[in-house]
């Protein structure tokens, strides 16, 4: 074939003339994209735990608000938990009695988070007031329920679902898309199209940007129009080609192709 085909990237001249196959540019998908499916899997697993916990938070709030009954419990245990930064959280375990549906006495245990001052004031065996749901005494609190608890749980779960899973899902989608695109290009074919517009702009002394609009017909007969650009370190010695000049395209599928 004669050299009547305009080649945007001179490195692809041999490909544009059918002398060699197209070699993929770049190093493939990023490391972030490769590990994104793992992050998405972790996000899904954590979400599967967060959603039931959020539903449980609303259930306990609604149940306590509907049935709330006061009672007295006894301090069973006290403990302090430290996070990785050394910040302390204070917990108190307590026990209280409430009869089973058949009337037999039964003792329920629960643990609650308290402030440091509350923690220091409470002693083992000390009596303390609680509220609980008679229909399900496993639902109890040291203080009346506040709607902020289930709302905060809902917000945290929503942020996790949209934030973590959304970002991980997006990069996982890109990973699959890029893999499919590269697979299509490796099995691609050489097509020819028509130059519909071309401009060259010297953005600096070392950067000359050529922008091309072109059109071609896919193997299934679908007309495709697109544009591409390429930077040269010098202004071409010959004038830019006129509209109507043939261009070469390495075609993978209707979503994945490269102007050579």
Protein backbone atom coordinates (compact mmCIF):
# COMPACT_ATOMS: atom_id res chain seq x y z
CA UNK A 1 0.00 0.00 0.00
CA UNK A 2 1.36 3.45 -0.88
CA UNK A 3 2.06 6.01 1.83
CA UNK A 4 -1.26 7.85 1.33
CA UNK A 5 -2.49 7.03 4.83
CA UNK A 6 -2.07 9.71 7.47
CA UNK A 7 -0.51 8.28 10.64
CA UNK A 8 -1.10 10.31 13.78
CA UNK A 9 1.60 8.49 15.77
CA UNK A 10 4.71 7.81 13.67
CA UNK A 11 5.48 4.78 15.85
CA UNK A 12 2.43 3.09 14.32
CA UNK A 13 3.37 3.61 10.68
CA UNK A 14 4.21 -0.06 10.08
CA UNK A 15 0.93 -1.14 11.69
CA UNK A 16 -1.03 1.36 9.56
CA UNK A 17 0.45 -0.20 6.42
CA UNK A 18 -0.31 -3.76 7.50
CA UNK A 19 3.32 -4.68 8.07
CA UNK A 20 2.92 -5.72 11.72
CA UNK A 21 0.14 -6.13 14.30
CA UNK A 22 -0.75 -3.47 16.80
CA UNK A 23 1.12 -3.69 20.10
CA UNK A 24 -0.73 -2.36 23.12
CA UNK A 25 0.57 0.93 24.48
CA UNK A 26 1.31 1.35 28.19
CA UNK A 27 1.76 -1.15 30.97
CA UNK A 28 -1.84 -2.35 31.24
CA UNK A 29 -4.17 -1.83 34.15
CA UNK A 30 -2.95 -0.08 37.30
CA UNK A 31 -2.10 -1.82 40.55
CA UNK A 32 -5.07 -0.03 42.16
CA UNK A 33 -7.40 -1.47 39.56
CA UNK A 34 -5.98 -4.95 40.05
CA UNK A 35 -6.57 -4.94 43.82
CA UNK A 36 -9.92 -3.14 43.57
CA UNK A 37 -11.89 -6.43 43.30
CA UNK A 38 -10.31 -7.54 46.58
CA UNK A 39 -11.35 -4.26 48.23
CA UNK A 40 -14.84 -4.71 46.79
CA UNK A 41 -15.05 -8.23 48.23
CA UNK A 42 -14.00 -6.92 51.65
CA UNK A 43 -16.58 -4.15 51.33
CA UNK A 44 -19.34 -6.61 50.48
CA UNK A 45 -18.45 -8.84 53.43
CA UNK A 46 -18.44 -5.91 55.86
CA UNK A 47 -21.66 -4.56 54.34
CA UNK A 48 -23.31 -7.93 54.92
CA UNK A 49 -22.62 -7.38 58.62
CA UNK A 50 -23.38 -3.66 58.78
CA UNK A 51 -26.83 -3.88 57.22
CA UNK A 52 -28.21 -6.38 59.77
CA UNK A 53 -26.62 -4.35 62.60
CA UNK A 54 -28.33 -1.20 61.34
CA UNK A 55 -31.67 -2.99 61.09
CA UNK A 56 -31.14 -4.31 64.62
CA UNK A 57 -30.41 -0.78 65.88
CA UNK A 58 -33.74 0.45 64.50
CA UNK A 59 -35.56 -2.61 65.85
CA UNK A 60 -34.19 -2.08 69.36
CA UNK A 61 -34.97 1.63 69.27
CA UNK A 62 -38.55 1.08 68.10
CA UNK A 63 -39.12 -1.74 70.59
CA UNK A 64 -37.81 0.25 73.54
CA UNK A 65 -39.79 3.34 72.57
CA UNK A 66 -42.98 1.25 72.38
CA UNK A 67 -42.49 -0.87 75.50
CA UNK A 68 -39.92 0.88 77.66
CA UNK A 69 -40.04 -0.33 81.26
CA UNK A 70 -37.78 0.75 84.11
CA UNK A 71 -35.86 -1.75 86.19
CA UNK A 72 -32.86 -2.22 88.42
CA UNK A 73 -29.67 -4.05 87.52
CA UNK A 74 -26.48 -4.97 89.34
CA UNK A 75 -22.96 -4.20 88.15
CA UNK A 76 -21.37 -7.48 87.14
CA UNK A 77 -18.09 -6.39 85.59
CA UNK A 78 -16.07 -3.38 84.42
CA UNK A 79 -13.47 -3.19 81.69
CA UNK A 80 -11.43 -0.70 79.69
CA UNK A 81 -10.61 -1.20 76.01
CA UNK A 82 -7.79 0.65 74.24
CA UNK A 83 -7.59 1.29 70.50
CA UNK A 84 -4.41 1.39 68.39
CA UNK A 85 -3.84 5.05 69.32
CA UNK A 86 -4.16 4.36 73.03
CA UNK A 87 -7.58 5.97 73.47
CA UNK A 88 -9.70 4.29 76.12
CA UNK A 89 -13.33 3.14 75.95
CA UNK A 90 -15.18 2.19 79.11
CA UNK A 91 -17.68 -0.64 79.45
CA UNK A 92 -19.88 -1.95 82.23
CA UNK A 93 -21.56 -5.34 82.31
CA UNK A 94 -24.74 -5.68 84.35
CA UNK A 95 -27.30 -8.32 85.26
CA UNK A 96 -31.01 -8.03 85.99
CA UNK A 97 -33.96 -10.32 86.53
CA UNK A 98 -37.21 -10.58 84.58
CA UNK A 99 -39.57 -13.55 84.42
CA UNK A 100 -39.85 -15.72 81.34
CA UNK A 101 -43.24 -15.90 79.53
CA UNK A 102 -44.06 -18.99 81.65
CA UNK A 103 -43.45 -17.00 84.83
CA UNK A 104 -40.15 -18.59 85.81
CA UNK A 105 -37.47 -16.12 87.01
CA UNK A 106 -34.58 -15.51 84.63
CA UNK A 107 -31.48 -13.31 84.69
CA UNK A 108 -30.29 -11.31 81.69
CA UNK A 109 -26.79 -9.97 81.18
CA UNK A 110 -25.82 -7.00 79.01
CA UNK A 111 -22.86 -4.69 78.42
CA UNK A 112 -23.05 -0.95 77.89
CA UNK A 113 -20.57 1.74 76.96
CA UNK A 114 -20.24 4.47 79.61
CA UNK A 115 -18.28 7.63 80.15
CA UNK A 116 -15.09 7.67 82.20
CA UNK A 117 -16.83 9.46 85.07
CA UNK A 118 -19.64 6.88 85.11
CA UNK A 119 -17.08 4.08 85.00
CA UNK A 120 -15.19 5.45 87.99
CA UNK A 121 -18.39 5.94 90.02
CA UNK A 122 -19.74 2.43 89.52
CA UNK A 123 -18.63 -0.41 91.80
CA UNK A 124 -18.98 -4.16 91.51
CA UNK A 125 -22.36 -5.26 92.81
CA UNK A 126 -23.73 -1.70 92.78
CA UNK A 127 -27.39 -1.22 91.86
CA UNK A 128 -28.12 0.95 88.83
CA UNK A 129 -31.31 1.87 86.97
CA UNK A 130 -31.97 0.50 83.49
CA UNK A 131 -34.73 0.46 80.89
CA UNK A 132 -35.69 -2.66 78.94
CA UNK A 133 -38.33 -4.15 76.66
CA UNK A 134 -40.55 -6.64 78.53
CA UNK A 135 -41.30 -8.59 75.35
CA UNK A 136 -37.57 -9.05 74.75
CA UNK A 137 -35.46 -8.30 77.87
CA UNK A 138 -32.28 -8.84 75.88
CA UNK A 139 -32.96 -5.28 74.69
CA UNK A 140 -31.93 -3.02 77.54
CA UNK A 141 -30.15 0.28 78.14
CA UNK A 142 -28.73 2.26 81.03
CA UNK A 143 -30.54 5.30 79.64
CA UNK A 144 -33.68 5.81 77.55
CA UNK A 145 -33.00 5.26 73.83
CA UNK A 146 -32.12 8.19 71.61
CA UNK A 147 -32.89 8.26 67.91
CA UNK A 148 -29.33 9.43 67.24
CA UNK A 149 -28.10 5.86 67.75
CA UNK A 150 -29.91 4.22 64.80
CA UNK A 151 -29.47 7.33 62.68
CA UNK A 152 -25.69 7.28 63.17
CA UNK A 153 -25.63 3.56 62.38
CA UNK A 154 -27.63 4.24 59.21
CA UNK A 155 -25.33 7.07 58.14
CA UNK A 156 -22.21 4.98 58.73
CA UNK A 157 -23.64 2.04 56.77
CA UNK A 158 -24.73 4.32 53.92
CA UNK A 159 -21.34 6.02 53.73
CA UNK A 160 -19.65 2.63 53.69
CA UNK A 161 -21.93 1.27 50.98
CA UNK A 162 -21.65 4.34 48.76
CA UNK A 163 -18.09 5.35 49.61
CA UNK A 164 -16.01 2.20 49.97
CA UNK A 165 -18.13 -0.09 47.80
CA UNK A 166 -18.78 2.65 45.28
CA UNK A 167 -15.09 3.47 44.76
CA UNK A 168 -14.03 -0.19 44.83
CA UNK A 169 -16.88 -1.07 42.47
CA UNK A 170 -15.88 1.67 40.04
CA UNK A 171 -12.26 0.54 39.87
CA UNK A 172 -13.37 -3.10 39.61
CA UNK A 173 -15.56 -2.11 36.65
CA UNK A 174 -12.58 -0.34 35.09
CA UNK A 175 -10.44 -3.42 35.60
CA UNK A 176 -12.93 -5.62 33.76
CA UNK A 177 -13.49 -2.99 31.08
CA UNK A 178 -9.75 -2.50 30.47
CA UNK A 179 -9.14 -6.24 30.41
CA UNK A 180 -11.91 -6.77 27.88
CA UNK A 181 -10.66 -3.82 25.84
CA UNK A 182 -7.08 -5.12 25.76
CA UNK A 183 -8.35 -8.58 24.86
CA UNK A 184 -10.34 -7.07 21.98
CA UNK A 185 -7.33 -5.10 20.73
CA UNK A 186 -5.08 -8.16 20.83
CA UNK A 187 -7.59 -9.86 18.52
CA UNK A 188 -8.18 -6.70 16.52
CA UNK A 189 -7.95 -5.88 12.85
CA UNK A 190 -6.78 -3.03 10.67
CA UNK A 191 -9.46 -0.74 9.22
CA UNK A 192 -9.32 2.49 7.27
CA UNK A 193 -11.35 5.62 7.66
CA UNK A 194 -11.47 9.25 6.56
CA UNK A 195 -9.99 12.38 8.06
CA UNK A 196 -12.75 14.96 8.65
CA UNK A 197 -10.80 17.65 10.53
CA UNK A 198 -7.23 18.25 11.64
CA UNK A 199 -5.51 21.02 13.59
CA UNK A 200 -1.98 21.52 14.85
CA UNK A 201 -1.13 23.81 17.76
CA UNK A 202 2.29 24.56 19.22
CA UNK A 203 1.58 24.55 22.95
CA UNK A 204 5.25 25.10 23.74
CA UNK A 205 8.62 24.92 22.00
CA UNK A 206 8.72 21.18 22.66
CA UNK A 207 5.05 20.29 22.39
CA UNK A 208 3.20 20.34 19.10
CA UNK A 209 -0.32 18.93 19.49
CA UNK A 210 -2.13 17.44 16.50
CA UNK A 211 -5.87 16.87 16.93
CA UNK A 212 -7.79 14.78 14.43
CA UNK A 213 -11.49 14.15 13.81
CA UNK A 214 -12.17 11.04 11.78
CA UNK A 215 -14.86 8.62 10.72
CA UNK A 216 -14.88 4.97 9.71
CA UNK A 217 -17.23 2.03 9.32
CA UNK A 218 -17.10 -0.91 11.74
CA UNK A 219 -17.12 -4.46 10.34
CA UNK A 220 -20.82 -4.79 11.22
CA UNK A 221 -21.60 -1.70 9.13
CA UNK A 222 -21.94 0.76 12.00
CA UNK A 223 -20.56 4.23 11.16
CA UNK A 224 -18.28 5.59 13.90
CA UNK A 225 -16.98 9.13 14.33
CA UNK A 226 -14.37 10.06 16.91
CA UNK A 227 -11.35 12.24 17.58
CA UNK A 228 -7.82 11.71 18.82
CA UNK A 229 -4.73 13.77 19.54
CA UNK A 230 -1.00 13.23 19.75
CA UNK A 231 1.94 15.31 20.93
CA UNK A 232 5.10 15.62 18.86
CA UNK A 233 8.30 17.16 20.13
CA UNK A 234 8.62 19.04 16.82
CA UNK A 235 6.41 20.58 14.16
CA UNK A 236 6.00 18.17 11.20
CA UNK A 237 8.22 19.05 8.24
CA UNK A 238 5.33 18.54 5.82
CA UNK A 239 1.99 20.36 5.94
CA UNK A 240 -0.90 18.67 7.70
CA UNK A 241 -2.94 16.47 5.34
CA UNK A 242 -6.21 17.75 3.87
CA UNK A 243 -9.68 16.65 4.89
CA UNK A 244 -10.58 13.41 3.12
CA UNK A 245 -7.17 11.79 3.61
CA UNK A 246 -7.32 8.17 4.65
CA UNK A 247 -6.51 7.24 8.24
CA UNK A 248 -5.82 3.84 9.79
CA UNK A 249 -7.64 2.40 12.79
CA UNK A 250 -6.77 -0.69 14.81
CA UNK A 251 -10.23 -2.00 15.65
CA UNK A 252 -11.13 -4.28 18.56
CA UNK A 253 -14.84 -3.61 18.92
CA UNK A 254 -17.21 -0.64 18.74
CA UNK A 255 -15.99 0.59 22.13
CA UNK A 256 -12.32 -0.22 21.81
CA UNK A 257 -10.22 1.00 18.89
CA UNK A 258 -7.18 3.17 18.27
CA UNK A 259 -6.40 5.73 15.61
CA UNK A 260 -2.90 4.84 14.43
